[in-house]
Amino acid sequence: MSKRKKFDSNSPDAHKIAHEIVHGAFTTEGTMVAFPLCFPGATSPIVADESRITALDATPDGIIYGGTSGHLAHLFVGVLNGATGMVFDIGAAPNATHCAGVCCGKEKLIAAVNGPGGGRIIRCDLHGLPSDLLQEWGFTRPEFQDLGEVVAGERIAHAIADASDERVIIATDRHLLVLGFGEGTPRVIGEITGKARLGLGSKGSVFGLDDDDTLWRYKPDADALERKAVALPQGD
């Protein structure tokens, strides 16, 4: 278990935390590209009742990874390279119908999936960037490594990689956990309510919504979870 610290939301540090949240945790910018879930003209797309995209992440070199939900949960990789591109179906996660998060490390991909038995972690190797998709292409499906249940009987609400790309922060129905990309078993950080998506702050902290409409903050480097880190503004 990690160290816990009570935090006064009215203290001078509250403004600093709010600044960290606004500048990074829940605001993103980028470009949206619509592309079929296949290599056009060469492979078949993920079928309609298994293709609802519910998780996305990207590597520093721009390779996109995602997960779907439906009758089955698939993991896929998208490579847009120069004048061409493709989406490759890595495969369906075993006994899973929902992907809550995909996280790109330096060499591994970790996916947080849910199925009849609760939330589980799937791990596989990342793909390399092809040199020229116009001339020659070929891909192999990496072997899935099923790391098993995260917390018995609990679904995974969300999962994100930390700023170092060395750890994954996982939120279940009632717990917050951390897992190194090369480790086999997640470690429980503390109890939370997995009621919202996680956000990565500009200084490396992970934020989430607590059960009384405040935000908690977890600092991966210090392994410290702060409850009621900052109060959210109340509307009329």
C-alpha atoms as a PDB file:
ATOM      1  CA  MET A   1       0.000   0.000   0.000  1.00  0.00           C
ATOM      2  CA  SER A   2       1.202   3.506  -0.703  1.00  0.00           C
ATOM      3  CA  LYS A   3       1.605   6.446   1.632  1.00  0.00           C
ATOM      4  CA  ARG A   4      -1.567   8.499   2.130  1.00  0.00           C
ATOM      5  CA  LYS A   5      -1.782  12.185   2.786  1.00  0.00           C
ATOM      6  CA  LYS A   6      -4.736  14.384   3.685  1.00  0.00           C
ATOM      7  CA  PHE A   7      -4.933  17.498   1.557  1.00  0.00           C
ATOM      8  CA  ASP A   8      -6.646  20.800   2.345  1.00  0.00           C
ATOM      9  CA  SER A   9      -8.451  21.958  -0.794  1.00  0.00           C
ATOM     10  CA  ASN A  10      -8.481  25.520   0.609  1.00  0.00           C
ATOM     11  CA  SER A  11      -4.719  25.686   1.023  1.00  0.00           C
ATOM     12  CA  PRO A  12      -2.440  27.783  -1.234  1.00  0.00           C
ATOM     13  CA  ASP A  13      -1.345  24.589  -2.988  1.00  0.00           C
ATOM     14  CA  ALA A  14      -4.872  24.110  -4.348  1.00  0.00           C
ATOM     15  CA  HIS A  15      -4.291  26.801  -6.998  1.00  0.00           C
ATOM     16  CA  LYS A  16      -1.081  25.085  -8.137  1.00  0.00           C
ATOM     17  CA  ILE A  17      -2.892  21.768  -8.452  1.00  0.00           C
ATOM     18  CA  ALA A  18      -5.720  23.369 -10.426  1.00  0.00           C
ATOM     19  CA  HIS A  19      -3.130  24.836 -12.814  1.00  0.00           C
ATOM     20  CA  GLU A  20      -1.589  21.395 -13.271  1.00  0.00           C
ATOM     21  CA  ILE A  21      -4.986  19.860 -14.045  1.00  0.00           C
ATOM     22  CA  VAL A  22      -6.043  22.546 -16.538  1.00  0.00           C
ATOM     23  CA  HIS A  23      -2.755  22.408 -18.417  1.00  0.00           C
ATOM     24  CA  GLY A  24      -2.625  18.757 -19.340  1.00  0.00           C
ATOM     25  CA  ALA A  25      -4.890  16.393 -17.467  1.00  0.00           C
ATOM     26  CA  PHE A  26      -8.229  16.761 -19.236  1.00  0.00           C
ATOM     27  CA  THR A  27      -7.454  18.891 -22.293  1.00  0.00           C
ATOM     28  CA  THR A  28      -5.967  17.493 -25.500  1.00  0.00           C
ATOM     29  CA  GLU A  29      -5.233  18.778 -28.955  1.00  0.00           C
ATOM     30  CA  GLY A  30      -4.588  16.906 -32.172  1.00  0.00           C
ATOM     31  CA  THR A  31      -5.849  15.834 -35.577  1.00  0.00           C
ATOM     32  CA  MET A  32      -8.626  13.347 -36.238  1.00  0.00           C
ATOM     33  CA  VAL A  33      -8.170  10.996 -39.199  1.00  0.00           C
ATOM     34  CA  ALA A  34     -11.005   8.727 -40.366  1.00  0.00           C
ATOM     35  CA  PHE A  35      -9.643   5.411 -41.629  1.00  0.00           C
ATOM     36  CA  PRO A  36     -11.203   1.941 -42.046  1.00  0.00           C
ATOM     37  CA  LEU A  37     -10.182  -0.727 -39.536  1.00  0.00           C
ATOM     38  CA  CYS A  38      -8.217  -2.683 -42.156  1.00  0.00           C
ATOM     39  CA  PHE A  39      -5.618  -2.379 -44.927  1.00  0.00           C
ATOM     40  CA  PRO A  40      -7.906  -1.152 -47.756  1.00  0.00           C
ATOM     41  CA  GLY A  41      -8.081  -3.648 -50.574  1.00  0.00           C
ATOM     42  CA  ALA A  42      -5.960  -6.214 -48.754  1.00  0.00           C
ATOM     43  CA  THR A  43      -7.576  -7.235 -45.462  1.00  0.00           C
ATOM     44  CA  SER A  44     -11.088  -7.394 -44.014  1.00  0.00           C
ATOM     45  CA  PRO A  45     -12.089  -4.812 -41.383  1.00  0.00           C
ATOM     46  CA  ILE A  46     -13.069  -5.733 -37.841  1.00  0.00           C
ATOM     47  CA  VAL A  47     -16.717  -6.773 -38.041  1.00  0.00           C
ATOM     48  CA  ALA A  48     -19.391  -4.270 -37.092  1.00  0.00           C
ATOM     49  CA  ASP A  49     -20.547  -5.781 -33.802  1.00  0.00           C
ATOM     50  CA  GLU A  50     -16.941  -5.959 -32.536  1.00  0.00           C
ATOM     51  CA  SER A  51     -15.593  -2.637 -33.813  1.00  0.00           C
ATOM     52  CA  ARG A  52     -16.782   0.103 -31.428  1.00  0.00           C
ATOM     53  CA  ILE A  53     -13.548   1.899 -30.514  1.00  0.00           C
ATOM     54  CA  THR A  54     -13.427   2.589 -26.771  1.00  0.00           C
ATOM     55  CA  ALA A  55      -9.680   3.085 -26.118  1.00  0.00           C
ATOM     56  CA  LEU A  56      -6.786   4.779 -27.933  1.00  0.00           C
ATOM     57  CA  ASP A  57      -3.133   5.561 -27.304  1.00  0.00           C
ATOM     58  CA  ALA A  58      -0.104   6.414 -29.450  1.00  0.00           C
ATOM     59  CA  THR A  59       3.656   5.904 -29.387  1.00  0.00           C
ATOM     60  CA  PRO A  60       6.092   8.830 -29.718  1.00  0.00           C
ATOM     61  CA  ASP A  61       6.651   7.947 -33.409  1.00  0.00           C
ATOM     62  CA  GLY A  62       2.942   8.252 -34.167  1.00  0.00           C
ATOM     63  CA  ILE A  63       1.792   4.631 -34.268  1.00  0.00           C
ATOM     64  CA  ILE A  64      -1.772   4.438 -32.941  1.00  0.00           C
ATOM     65  CA  TYR A  65      -3.062   1.562 -30.814  1.00  0.00           C
ATOM     66  CA  GLY A  66      -6.656   0.975 -29.888  1.00  0.00           C
ATOM     67  CA  GLY A  67      -9.177  -1.363 -28.375  1.00  0.00           C
ATOM     68  CA  THR A  68     -12.782  -2.096 -29.267  1.00  0.00           C
ATOM     69  CA  SER A  69     -15.884  -3.282 -27.449  1.00  0.00           C
ATOM     70  CA  GLY A  70     -18.837  -5.394 -28.515  1.00  0.00           C
ATOM     71  CA  HIS A  71     -19.450  -9.103 -28.987  1.00  0.00           C
ATOM     72  CA  LEU A  72     -15.647  -9.409 -28.722  1.00  0.00           C
ATOM     73  CA  ALA A  73     -12.951  -6.893 -27.754  1.00  0.00           C
ATOM     74  CA  HIS A  74     -10.202  -6.483 -30.347  1.00  0.00           C
ATOM     75  CA  LEU A  75      -6.821  -4.783 -30.114  1.00  0.00           C
ATOM     76  CA  PHE A  76      -5.534  -3.042 -33.219  1.00  0.00           C
ATOM     77  CA  VAL A  77      -2.614  -0.962 -34.471  1.00  0.00           C
ATOM     78  CA  GLY A  78      -2.901   1.896 -36.949  1.00  0.00           C
ATOM     79  CA  VAL A  79       0.070   3.005 -39.063  1.00  0.00           C
ATOM     80  CA  LEU A  80      -0.292   6.117 -41.203  1.00  0.00           C
ATOM     81  CA  ASN A  81       2.953   6.489 -43.137  1.00  0.00           C
ATOM     82  CA  GLY A  82       3.390   9.094 -45.832  1.00  0.00           C
ATOM     83  CA  ALA A  83       0.897   8.596 -48.652  1.00  0.00           C
ATOM     84  CA  THR A  84      -0.614   5.402 -47.331  1.00  0.00           C
ATOM     85  CA  GLY A  85      -1.617   3.620 -44.169  1.00  0.00           C
ATOM     86  CA  MET A  86      -3.408   0.686 -42.670  1.00  0.00           C
ATOM     87  CA  VAL A  87      -5.080  -0.643 -39.539  1.00  0.00           C
ATOM     88  CA  PHE A  88      -4.072  -4.146 -38.466  1.00  0.00           C
ATOM     89  CA  ASP A  89      -6.282  -6.303 -36.243  1.00  0.00           C
ATOM     90  CA  ILE A  90      -3.863  -7.664 -33.641  1.00  0.00           C
ATOM     91  CA  GLY A  91      -6.555 -10.023 -32.408  1.00  0.00           C
ATOM     92  CA  ALA A  92      -9.472 -10.490 -30.049  1.00  0.00           C
ATOM     93  CA  ALA A  93      -8.622 -10.472 -26.353  1.00  0.00           C
ATOM     94  CA  PRO A  94      -9.656 -13.787 -24.778  1.00  0.00           C
ATOM     95  CA  ASN A  95     -12.955 -13.779 -22.854  1.00  0.00           C
ATOM     96  CA  ALA A  96     -13.355 -10.008 -23.200  1.00  0.00           C
ATOM     97  CA  THR A  97     -16.188  -7.828 -24.500  1.00  0.00           C
ATOM     98  CA  HIS A  98     -14.968  -4.348 -23.491  1.00  0.00           C
ATOM     99  CA  CYS A  99     -11.631  -2.550 -23.690  1.00  0.00           C
ATOM    100  CA  ALA A 100     -11.331   0.138 -21.003  1.00  0.00           C
ATOM    101  CA  GLY A 101      -7.837   1.344 -21.898  1.00  0.00           C
ATOM    102  CA  VAL A 102      -4.736   0.704 -24.005  1.00  0.00           C
ATOM    103  CA  CYS A 103      -1.317   1.929 -22.853  1.00  0.00           C
ATOM    104  CA  CYS A 104       1.856   2.144 -24.932  1.00  0.00           C
ATOM    105  CA  GLY A 105       5.147   1.573 -23.161  1.00  0.00           C
ATOM    106  CA  LYS A 106       8.591   1.605 -24.695  1.00  0.00           C
ATOM    107  CA  GLU A 107       8.400  -1.979 -25.966  1.00  0.00           C
ATOM    108  CA  LYS A 108       5.080  -3.382 -24.716  1.00  0.00           C
ATOM    109  CA  LEU A 109       1.377  -2.693 -25.106  1.00  0.00           C
ATOM    110  CA  ILE A 110      -0.905  -3.201 -22.115  1.00  0.00           C
ATOM    111  CA  ALA A 111      -4.663  -3.409 -22.554  1.00  0.00           C
ATOM    112  CA  ALA A 112      -7.228  -3.262 -19.752  1.00  0.00           C
ATOM    113  CA  VAL A 113     -10.242  -5.367 -20.734  1.00  0.00           C
ATOM    114  CA  ASN A 114     -13.489  -6.486 -19.123  1.00  0.00           C
ATOM    115  CA  GLY A 115     -15.463  -9.667 -19.542  1.00  0.00           C
ATOM    116  CA  PRO A 116     -17.813 -11.954 -17.620  1.00  0.00           C
ATOM    117  CA  GLY A 117     -15.149 -12.567 -14.956  1.00  0.00           C
ATOM    118  CA  GLY A 118     -14.301  -8.897 -14.341  1.00  0.00           C
ATOM    119  CA  GLY A 119     -11.312  -6.795 -15.373  1.00  0.00           C
ATOM    120  CA  ARG A 120      -8.064  -8.307 -16.656  1.00  0.00           C
ATOM    121  CA  ILE A 121      -4.775  -7.153 -18.136  1.00  0.00           C
ATOM    122  CA  ILE A 122      -3.506  -8.276 -21.561  1.00  0.00           C
ATOM    123  CA  ARG A 123       0.067  -7.588 -22.680  1.00  0.00           C
ATOM    124  CA  CYS A 124       1.828  -7.950 -26.032  1.00  0.00           C
ATOM    125  CA  ASP A 125       4.759  -6.533 -27.996  1.00  0.00           C
ATOM    126  CA  LEU A 126       4.541  -3.260 -29.899  1.00  0.00           C
ATOM    127  CA  HIS A 127       4.864  -3.205 -33.693  1.00  0.00           C
ATOM    128  CA  GLY A 128       7.712  -1.496 -35.526  1.00  0.00           C
ATOM    129  CA  LEU A 129       7.165   1.216 -38.119  1.00  0.00           C
ATOM    130  CA  PRO A 130       7.272  -0.194 -41.687  1.00  0.00           C
ATOM    131  CA  SER A 131       9.689   1.537 -44.037  1.00  0.00           C
ATOM    132  CA  ASP A 132       7.376   1.642 -47.056  1.00  0.00           C
ATOM    133  CA  LEU A 133       3.821   0.344 -47.098  1.00  0.00           C
ATOM    134  CA  LEU A 134       3.475   1.101 -50.822  1.00  0.00           C
ATOM    135  CA  GLN A 135       6.102  -1.435 -51.893  1.00  0.00           C
ATOM    136  CA  GLU A 136       6.084  -4.229 -49.351  1.00  0.00           C
ATOM    137  CA  TRP A 137       4.295  -4.976 -46.105  1.00  0.00           C
ATOM    138  CA  GLY A 138       3.922  -7.801 -43.695  1.00  0.00           C
ATOM    139  CA  PHE A 139       2.783  -8.137 -40.103  1.00  0.00           C
ATOM    140  CA  THR A 140       2.660 -10.893 -37.554  1.00  0.00           C
ATOM    141  CA  ARG A 141       0.206 -11.138 -34.692  1.00  0.00           C
ATOM    142  CA  PRO A 142       2.080 -10.969 -31.390  1.00  0.00           C
ATOM    143  CA  GLU A 143       1.206 -13.496 -28.724  1.00  0.00           C
ATOM    144  CA  PHE A 144      -1.136 -12.196 -26.038  1.00  0.00           C
ATOM    145  CA  GLN A 145       0.010 -12.613 -22.445  1.00  0.00           C
ATOM    146  CA  ASP A 146      -2.983 -12.760 -20.105  1.00  0.00           C
ATOM    147  CA  LEU A 147      -1.915 -11.412 -16.692  1.00  0.00           C
ATOM    148  CA  GLY A 148      -5.234 -12.386 -15.144  1.00  0.00           C
ATOM    149  CA  GLU A 149      -7.715 -10.548 -12.951  1.00  0.00           C
ATOM    150  CA  VAL A 150      -6.808  -7.165 -11.511  1.00  0.00           C
ATOM    151  CA  VAL A 151      -9.125  -7.301  -8.472  1.00  0.00           C
ATOM    152  CA  ALA A 152     -11.460 -10.268  -8.100  1.00  0.00           C
ATOM    153  CA  GLY A 153     -15.011  -9.397  -9.139  1.00  0.00           C
ATOM    154  CA  GLU A 154     -14.262  -5.773 -10.134  1.00  0.00           C
ATOM    155  CA  ARG A 155     -14.404  -4.230 -13.590  1.00  0.00           C
ATOM    156  CA  ILE A 156     -11.742  -1.867 -14.865  1.00  0.00           C
ATOM    157  CA  ALA A 157     -13.022   1.680 -15.382  1.00  0.00           C
ATOM    158  CA  HIS A 158      -9.932   3.129 -17.083  1.00  0.00           C
ATOM    159  CA  ALA A 159      -6.158   2.760 -17.407  1.00  0.00           C
ATOM    160  CA  ILE A 160      -3.430   5.142 -18.605  1.00  0.00           C
ATOM    161  CA  ALA A 161       0.355   5.096 -18.879  1.00  0.00           C
ATOM    162  CA  ASP A 162       2.265   7.483 -16.631  1.00  0.00           C
ATOM    163  CA  ALA A 163       4.546  10.218 -17.965  1.00  0.00           C
ATOM    164  CA  SER A 164       7.611   7.935 -17.947  1.00  0.00           C
ATOM    165  CA  ASP A 165       5.910   5.239 -20.079  1.00  0.00           C
ATOM    166  CA  GLU A 166       7.173   2.736 -17.519  1.00  0.00           C
ATOM    167  CA  ARG A 167       3.982   2.173 -15.471  1.00  0.00           C
ATOM    168  CA  VAL A 168       0.264   1.812 -16.026  1.00  0.00           C
ATOM    169  CA  ILE A 169      -2.217   3.326 -13.572  1.00  0.00           C
ATOM    170  CA  ILE A 170      -5.437   1.294 -13.359  1.00  0.00           C
ATOM    171  CA  ALA A 171      -8.775   2.290 -11.838  1.00  0.00           C
ATOM    172  CA  THR A 172     -11.327  -0.423 -11.038  1.00  0.00           C
ATOM    173  CA  ASP A 173     -14.759  -0.105  -9.439  1.00  0.00           C
ATOM    174  CA  ARG A 174     -13.215   0.436  -6.005  1.00  0.00           C
ATOM    175  CA  HIS A 175      -9.401   0.405  -6.262  1.00  0.00           C
ATOM    176  CA  LEU A 176      -6.444   2.219  -7.790  1.00  0.00           C
ATOM    177  CA  LEU A 177      -3.516   0.053  -8.887  1.00  0.00           C
ATOM    178  CA  VAL A 178      -0.134   0.420 -10.562  1.00  0.00           C
ATOM    179  CA  LEU A 179       1.606  -2.049 -12.890  1.00  0.00           C
ATOM    180  CA  GLY A 180       5.038  -1.805 -14.465  1.00  0.00           C
ATOM    181  CA  PHE A 181       5.102  -2.691 -18.170  1.00  0.00           C
ATOM    182  CA  GLY A 182       7.473  -5.568 -17.413  1.00  0.00           C
ATOM    183  CA  GLU A 183       5.798  -6.743 -14.194  1.00  0.00           C
ATOM    184  CA  GLY A 184       3.332  -9.575 -13.799  1.00  0.00           C
ATOM    185  CA  THR A 185       1.029  -8.472 -10.989  1.00  0.00           C
ATOM    186  CA  PRO A 186      -0.579  -5.048 -10.361  1.00  0.00           C
ATOM    187  CA  ARG A 187      -0.072  -3.489  -6.924  1.00  0.00           C
ATOM    188  CA  VAL A 188      -2.956  -1.885  -5.040  1.00  0.00           C
ATOM    189  CA  ILE A 189      -2.327   1.790  -4.257  1.00  0.00           C
ATOM    190  CA  GLY A 190      -5.529   2.476  -2.342  1.00  0.00           C
ATOM    191  CA  GLU A 191      -9.299   2.541  -2.410  1.00  0.00           C
ATOM    192  CA  ILE A 192     -11.133   4.877  -4.778  1.00  0.00           C
ATOM    193  CA  THR A 193     -14.359   4.845  -6.740  1.00  0.00           C
ATOM    194  CA  GLY A 194     -13.725   4.233 -10.419  1.00  0.00           C
ATOM    195  CA  LYS A 195     -16.418   6.662 -11.543  1.00  0.00           C
ATOM    196  CA  ALA A 196     -14.562   8.653 -14.222  1.00  0.00           C
ATOM    197  CA  ARG A 197     -11.684   8.532 -16.647  1.00  0.00           C
ATOM    198  CA  LEU A 198      -8.171   9.200 -15.402  1.00  0.00           C
ATOM    199  CA  GLY A 199      -6.187  12.264 -16.422  1.00  0.00           C
ATOM    200  CA  LEU A 200      -2.425  12.806 -16.613  1.00  0.00           C
ATOM    201  CA  GLY A 201      -1.370  16.214 -15.293  1.00  0.00           C
ATOM    202  CA  SER A 202       1.344  18.415 -16.761  1.00  0.00           C
ATOM    203  CA  LYS A 203       3.752  17.512 -13.931  1.00  0.00           C
ATOM    204  CA  GLY A 204       3.217  13.757 -14.077  1.00  0.00           C
ATOM    205  CA  SER A 205       0.466  13.324 -11.479  1.00  0.00           C
ATOM    206  CA  VAL A 206      -2.609  11.218 -12.251  1.00  0.00           C
ATOM    207  CA  PHE A 207      -6.022  12.680 -11.382  1.00  0.00           C
ATOM    208  CA  GLY A 208      -9.442  11.121 -10.969  1.00  0.00           C
ATOM    209  CA  LEU A 209     -12.900  11.951  -9.646  1.00  0.00           C
ATOM    210  CA  ASP A 210     -13.550  10.987  -6.027  1.00  0.00           C
ATOM    211  CA  ASP A 211     -16.864   9.921  -4.500  1.00  0.00           C
ATOM    212  CA  ASP A 212     -17.721  13.406  -3.140  1.00  0.00           C
ATOM    213  CA  ASP A 213     -17.078  15.311  -6.389  1.00  0.00           C
ATOM    214  CA  THR A 214     -13.520  16.223  -5.470  1.00  0.00           C
ATOM    215  CA  LEU A 215     -10.420  15.117  -7.333  1.00  0.00           C
ATOM    216  CA  TRP A 216      -7.820  12.739  -5.946  1.00  0.00           C
ATOM    217  CA  ARG A 217      -4.196  12.936  -7.060  1.00  0.00           C
ATOM    218  CA  TYR A 218      -1.640  10.124  -7.325  1.00  0.00           C
ATOM    219  CA  LYS A 219       2.067  10.932  -7.708  1.00  0.00           C
ATOM    220  CA  PRO A 220       3.761   7.905  -9.337  1.00  0.00           C
ATOM    221  CA  ASP A 221       7.334   8.906  -8.454  1.00  0.00           C
ATOM    222  CA  ALA A 222       6.483   9.462  -4.794  1.00  0.00           C
ATOM    223  CA  ASP A 223       3.917   6.623  -4.724  1.00  0.00           C
ATOM    224  CA  ALA A 224       1.574   8.955  -2.820  1.00  0.00           C
ATOM    225  CA  LEU A 225      -2.216   9.109  -3.111  1.00  0.00           C
ATOM    226  CA  GLU A 226      -3.906  12.337  -1.960  1.00  0.00           C
ATOM    227  CA  ARG A 227      -7.652  12.225  -1.399  1.00  0.00           C
ATOM    228  CA  LYS A 228      -9.767  15.369  -1.794  1.00  0.00           C
ATOM    229  CA  ALA A 229      -6.842  17.003  -3.572  1.00  0.00           C
ATOM    230  CA  VAL A 230      -8.976  19.779  -5.039  1.00  0.00           C
ATOM    231  CA  ALA A 231     -12.695  20.620  -4.937  1.00  0.00           C
ATOM    232  CA  LEU A 232     -14.541  21.012  -8.227  1.00  0.00           C
ATOM    233  CA  PRO A 233     -16.481  24.247  -8.857  1.00  0.00           C
ATOM    234  CA  GLN A 234     -20.202  23.958  -8.147  1.00  0.00           C
ATOM    235  CA  GLY A 235     -22.758  25.197 -10.667  1.00  0.00           C
ATOM    236  CA  ASP A 236     -25.997  27.022  -9.916  1.00  0.00           C
END
